[in-house]
Amino acid sequence: MITAIVLIKTSVDRIPEIAESIAALDSVSEVYSVTGTYDLIALVRVNRHENLADIIPGRISKIPGVEATDTHVAFRTYSQHDLEAAFAIGLDA
């Protein structure tokens, strides 16, 4: 699974509506409203790199009110959930 972190600048008067539209898209697992330079951060998960082009410039960038995106593709994922599962292997509850 390929994960992309998409930083999104939007029209500030429509952040909730834009976030909901993005969250409704296939391959978007989460959308966060944040402070700072960007208004939203979306996590996009796809099976192939080519699918990122379909979802990010092809769908997210075309939502009315989305002004700009900055995409970062993850090399690896480190998660507390993954660590807990690894340490629990072979242990009885």
N, C-alpha and C. Protein backbone atom coordinates (compact mmCIF):
# COMPACT_ATOMS: atom_id res chain seq x y z
N MET A 1 0.85 -1.17 0.00
CA MET A 1 0.00 0.00 0.00
C MET A 1 0.90 1.24 0.00
N ILE A 2 0.61 2.17 -0.87
CA ILE A 2 1.35 3.43 -0.97
C ILE A 2 0.54 4.50 -0.26
N THR A 3 1.20 5.24 0.62
CA THR A 3 0.53 6.31 1.36
C THR A 3 1.10 7.65 0.94
N ALA A 4 0.20 8.58 0.63
CA ALA A 4 0.60 9.95 0.32
C ALA A 4 -0.04 10.88 1.34
N ILE A 5 0.75 11.83 1.81
CA ILE A 5 0.27 12.87 2.71
C ILE A 5 0.09 14.11 1.84
N VAL A 6 -1.14 14.60 1.76
CA VAL A 6 -1.44 15.71 0.87
C VAL A 6 -1.78 16.94 1.72
N LEU A 7 -0.93 17.97 1.61
CA LEU A 7 -1.16 19.24 2.29
C LEU A 7 -1.98 20.10 1.35
N ILE A 8 -3.08 20.68 1.86
CA ILE A 8 -4.05 21.34 0.99
C ILE A 8 -4.36 22.74 1.48
N LYS A 9 -4.25 23.70 0.57
CA LYS A 9 -4.70 25.08 0.84
C LYS A 9 -6.08 25.23 0.23
N THR A 10 -6.98 25.85 0.98
CA THR A 10 -8.36 25.98 0.53
C THR A 10 -8.87 27.39 0.73
N SER A 11 -10.07 27.63 0.24
CA SER A 11 -10.80 28.85 0.59
C SER A 11 -11.18 28.70 2.06
N VAL A 12 -10.74 29.62 2.89
CA VAL A 12 -10.92 29.45 4.34
C VAL A 12 -12.39 29.47 4.76
N ASP A 13 -13.24 30.08 3.98
CA ASP A 13 -14.66 30.14 4.35
C ASP A 13 -15.40 28.85 4.04
N ARG A 14 -14.71 27.87 3.40
CA ARG A 14 -15.37 26.62 3.02
C ARG A 14 -14.62 25.37 3.50
N ILE A 15 -13.76 25.53 4.49
CA ILE A 15 -12.93 24.40 4.94
C ILE A 15 -13.76 23.16 5.30
N PRO A 16 -14.83 23.27 6.10
CA PRO A 16 -15.57 22.05 6.46
C PRO A 16 -16.19 21.33 5.25
N GLU A 17 -16.75 22.10 4.33
CA GLU A 17 -17.38 21.49 3.15
C GLU A 17 -16.34 20.83 2.25
N ILE A 18 -15.20 21.49 2.08
CA ILE A 18 -14.14 20.94 1.25
C ILE A 18 -13.58 19.67 1.90
N ALA A 19 -13.38 19.70 3.21
CA ALA A 19 -12.87 18.52 3.92
C ALA A 19 -13.82 17.34 3.76
N GLU A 20 -15.11 17.58 3.85
CA GLU A 20 -16.09 16.51 3.68
C GLU A 20 -16.06 15.95 2.27
N SER A 21 -15.92 16.82 1.28
CA SER A 21 -15.85 16.36 -0.11
C SER A 21 -14.61 15.50 -0.35
N ILE A 22 -13.50 15.91 0.22
CA ILE A 22 -12.26 15.14 0.06
C ILE A 22 -12.38 13.80 0.79
N ALA A 23 -12.91 13.82 1.99
CA ALA A 23 -13.04 12.59 2.79
C ALA A 23 -13.95 11.57 2.11
N ALA A 24 -14.87 12.03 1.28
CA ALA A 24 -15.80 11.13 0.60
C ALA A 24 -15.18 10.42 -0.60
N LEU A 25 -14.00 10.84 -1.02
CA LEU A 25 -13.35 10.24 -2.18
C LEU A 25 -12.77 8.86 -1.84
N ASP A 26 -12.87 7.95 -2.80
CA ASP A 26 -12.21 6.65 -2.64
C ASP A 26 -10.71 6.87 -2.50
N SER A 27 -10.07 6.08 -1.72
CA SER A 27 -8.63 6.11 -1.45
C SER A 27 -8.21 7.16 -0.43
N VAL A 28 -9.11 8.04 -0.03
CA VAL A 28 -8.79 9.01 1.03
C VAL A 28 -9.23 8.38 2.34
N SER A 29 -8.26 8.11 3.23
CA SER A 29 -8.60 7.45 4.48
C SER A 29 -8.94 8.43 5.59
N GLU A 30 -8.29 9.61 5.58
CA GLU A 30 -8.52 10.59 6.64
C GLU A 30 -8.27 11.99 6.10
N VAL A 31 -8.96 12.95 6.68
CA VAL A 31 -8.73 14.36 6.38
C VAL A 31 -8.70 15.11 7.71
N TYR A 32 -7.67 15.92 7.90
CA TYR A 32 -7.52 16.69 9.13
C TYR A 32 -7.59 18.18 8.81
N SER A 33 -8.32 18.92 9.60
CA SER A 33 -8.29 20.38 9.56
C SER A 33 -7.18 20.80 10.51
N VAL A 34 -6.23 21.63 10.01
CA VAL A 34 -5.04 21.94 10.81
C VAL A 34 -4.75 23.44 10.81
N THR A 35 -3.88 23.84 11.73
CA THR A 35 -3.39 25.21 11.75
C THR A 35 -2.10 25.29 10.96
N GLY A 36 -1.71 26.50 10.59
CA GLY A 36 -0.44 26.69 9.90
C GLY A 36 -0.64 27.11 8.46
N THR A 37 0.35 26.83 7.65
CA THR A 37 0.36 27.25 6.25
C THR A 37 -0.74 26.60 5.44
N TYR A 38 -1.07 25.36 5.77
CA TYR A 38 -2.10 24.62 5.05
C TYR A 38 -3.36 24.54 5.89
N ASP A 39 -4.49 24.31 5.23
CA ASP A 39 -5.78 24.24 5.91
C ASP A 39 -6.20 22.81 6.22
N LEU A 40 -5.83 21.88 5.32
CA LEU A 40 -6.22 20.48 5.48
C LEU A 40 -5.03 19.58 5.18
N ILE A 41 -5.02 18.42 5.80
CA ILE A 41 -4.08 17.36 5.46
C ILE A 41 -4.91 16.11 5.20
N ALA A 42 -4.69 15.50 4.03
CA ALA A 42 -5.40 14.27 3.67
C ALA A 42 -4.40 13.13 3.55
N LEU A 43 -4.81 11.95 4.00
CA LEU A 43 -4.03 10.73 3.82
C LEU A 43 -4.68 9.94 2.70
N VAL A 44 -3.89 9.66 1.67
CA VAL A 44 -4.38 8.92 0.51
C VAL A 44 -3.62 7.61 0.45
N ARG A 45 -4.36 6.52 0.33
CA ARG A 45 -3.74 5.19 0.27
C ARG A 45 -4.18 4.50 -1.02
N VAL A 46 -3.19 4.09 -1.82
CA VAL A 46 -3.47 3.44 -3.10
C VAL A 46 -2.56 2.23 -3.28
N ASN A 47 -2.90 1.39 -4.24
CA ASN A 47 -2.09 0.20 -4.52
C ASN A 47 -0.95 0.46 -5.48
N ARG A 48 -1.11 1.47 -6.36
CA ARG A 48 -0.11 1.77 -7.38
C ARG A 48 0.15 3.26 -7.43
N HIS A 49 1.39 3.64 -7.73
CA HIS A 49 1.75 5.06 -7.83
C HIS A 49 0.88 5.79 -8.85
N GLU A 50 0.55 5.12 -9.94
CA GLU A 50 -0.26 5.73 -10.98
C GLU A 50 -1.61 6.20 -10.45
N ASN A 51 -2.12 5.52 -9.44
CA ASN A 51 -3.42 5.88 -8.87
C ASN A 51 -3.36 7.21 -8.12
N LEU A 52 -2.16 7.60 -7.67
CA LEU A 52 -2.04 8.91 -7.01
C LEU A 52 -2.41 10.03 -7.97
N ALA A 53 -2.04 9.89 -9.23
CA ALA A 53 -2.38 10.91 -10.23
C ALA A 53 -3.88 11.00 -10.44
N ASP A 54 -4.55 9.87 -10.35
CA ASP A 54 -6.01 9.88 -10.51
C ASP A 54 -6.69 10.60 -9.35
N ILE A 55 -6.22 10.37 -8.14
CA ILE A 55 -6.92 10.90 -6.97
C ILE A 55 -6.49 12.32 -6.60
N ILE A 56 -5.20 12.63 -6.68
CA ILE A 56 -4.74 13.94 -6.18
C ILE A 56 -4.99 15.04 -7.22
N PRO A 57 -4.25 15.08 -8.34
CA PRO A 57 -4.58 16.14 -9.30
C PRO A 57 -5.90 15.88 -10.03
N GLY A 58 -6.27 14.61 -10.17
CA GLY A 58 -7.47 14.28 -10.92
C GLY A 58 -8.77 14.52 -10.18
N ARG A 59 -8.76 14.43 -8.85
CA ARG A 59 -10.01 14.58 -8.09
C ARG A 59 -9.91 15.63 -7.00
N ILE A 60 -8.90 15.52 -6.10
CA ILE A 60 -8.81 16.46 -4.98
C ILE A 60 -8.63 17.88 -5.50
N SER A 61 -7.69 18.09 -6.42
CA SER A 61 -7.40 19.44 -6.91
C SER A 61 -8.56 20.06 -7.67
N LYS A 62 -9.49 19.26 -8.12
CA LYS A 62 -10.63 19.77 -8.89
C LYS A 62 -11.85 20.10 -8.04
N ILE A 63 -11.76 19.85 -6.74
CA ILE A 63 -12.88 20.19 -5.84
C ILE A 63 -12.92 21.71 -5.72
N PRO A 64 -14.08 22.32 -5.94
CA PRO A 64 -14.18 23.78 -5.82
C PRO A 64 -13.72 24.25 -4.43
N GLY A 65 -12.83 25.23 -4.43
CA GLY A 65 -12.30 25.77 -3.18
C GLY A 65 -10.91 25.27 -2.84
N VAL A 66 -10.46 24.19 -3.49
CA VAL A 66 -9.08 23.73 -3.30
C VAL A 66 -8.19 24.64 -4.14
N GLU A 67 -7.26 25.31 -3.47
CA GLU A 67 -6.41 26.29 -4.15
C GLU A 67 -5.04 25.72 -4.52
N ALA A 68 -4.49 24.83 -3.70
CA ALA A 68 -3.18 24.26 -3.98
C ALA A 68 -2.99 22.99 -3.15
N THR A 69 -2.15 22.09 -3.68
CA THR A 69 -1.79 20.89 -2.92
C THR A 69 -0.28 20.71 -2.95
N ASP A 70 0.22 20.04 -1.93
CA ASP A 70 1.64 19.70 -1.82
C ASP A 70 1.66 18.26 -1.33
N THR A 71 2.16 17.35 -2.17
CA THR A 71 2.06 15.92 -1.88
C THR A 71 3.40 15.34 -1.46
N HIS A 72 3.36 14.52 -0.41
CA HIS A 72 4.53 13.81 0.09
C HIS A 72 4.20 12.33 0.12
N VAL A 73 5.02 11.51 -0.55
CA VAL A 73 4.81 10.07 -0.57
C VAL A 73 5.66 9.44 0.51
N ALA A 74 5.06 8.59 1.31
CA ALA A 74 5.75 7.95 2.42
C ALA A 74 6.63 6.80 1.92
N PHE A 75 7.86 6.73 2.45
CA PHE A 75 8.75 5.59 2.17
C PHE A 75 8.39 4.39 3.04
N ARG A 76 8.19 4.68 4.33
CA ARG A 76 7.84 3.64 5.31
C ARG A 76 6.80 4.20 6.26
N THR A 77 6.11 3.27 6.91
CA THR A 77 5.13 3.67 7.91
C THR A 77 5.56 3.11 9.25
N TYR A 78 5.61 3.96 10.25
CA TYR A 78 5.89 3.55 11.62
C TYR A 78 4.65 3.87 12.43
N SER A 79 4.13 2.89 13.12
CA SER A 79 2.87 3.07 13.84
C SER A 79 2.94 2.39 15.19
N GLN A 80 2.41 3.04 16.19
CA GLN A 80 2.32 2.44 17.53
C GLN A 80 1.50 1.16 17.48
N HIS A 81 0.45 1.14 16.64
CA HIS A 81 -0.39 -0.05 16.52
C HIS A 81 0.42 -1.23 15.98
N ASP A 82 1.28 -0.97 14.99
CA ASP A 82 2.11 -2.02 14.42
C ASP A 82 3.10 -2.56 15.45
N LEU A 83 3.69 -1.66 16.24
CA LEU A 83 4.65 -2.08 17.26
C LEU A 83 3.97 -2.92 18.33
N GLU A 84 2.79 -2.52 18.76
CA GLU A 84 2.07 -3.28 19.79
C GLU A 84 1.73 -4.67 19.27
N ALA A 85 1.30 -4.78 18.00
CA ALA A 85 0.96 -6.08 17.43
C ALA A 85 2.20 -6.98 17.33
N ALA A 86 3.34 -6.40 16.96
CA ALA A 86 4.57 -7.19 16.84
C ALA A 86 5.01 -7.73 18.18
N PHE A 87 4.92 -6.93 19.24
CA PHE A 87 5.34 -7.38 20.55
C PHE A 87 4.34 -8.36 21.17
N ALA A 88 3.13 -8.36 20.69
CA ALA A 88 2.10 -9.24 21.25
C ALA A 88 2.11 -10.64 20.62
N ILE A 89 2.90 -10.82 19.57
CA ILE A 89 2.92 -12.12 18.88
C ILE A 89 3.42 -13.19 19.87
N GLY A 90 2.62 -14.24 20.00
CA GLY A 90 3.01 -15.35 20.86
C GLY A 90 2.65 -15.17 22.31
N LEU A 91 2.09 -14.06 22.68
CA LEU A 91 1.69 -13.83 24.06
C LEU A 91 0.22 -14.17 24.23
N ASP A 92 -0.12 -14.79 25.34
CA ASP A 92 -1.53 -15.07 25.64
C ASP A 92 -2.09 -13.89 26.40
N ALA A 93 -3.32 -13.54 26.08
CA ALA A 93 -3.97 -12.41 26.73
C ALA A 93 -4.50 -12.78 28.08
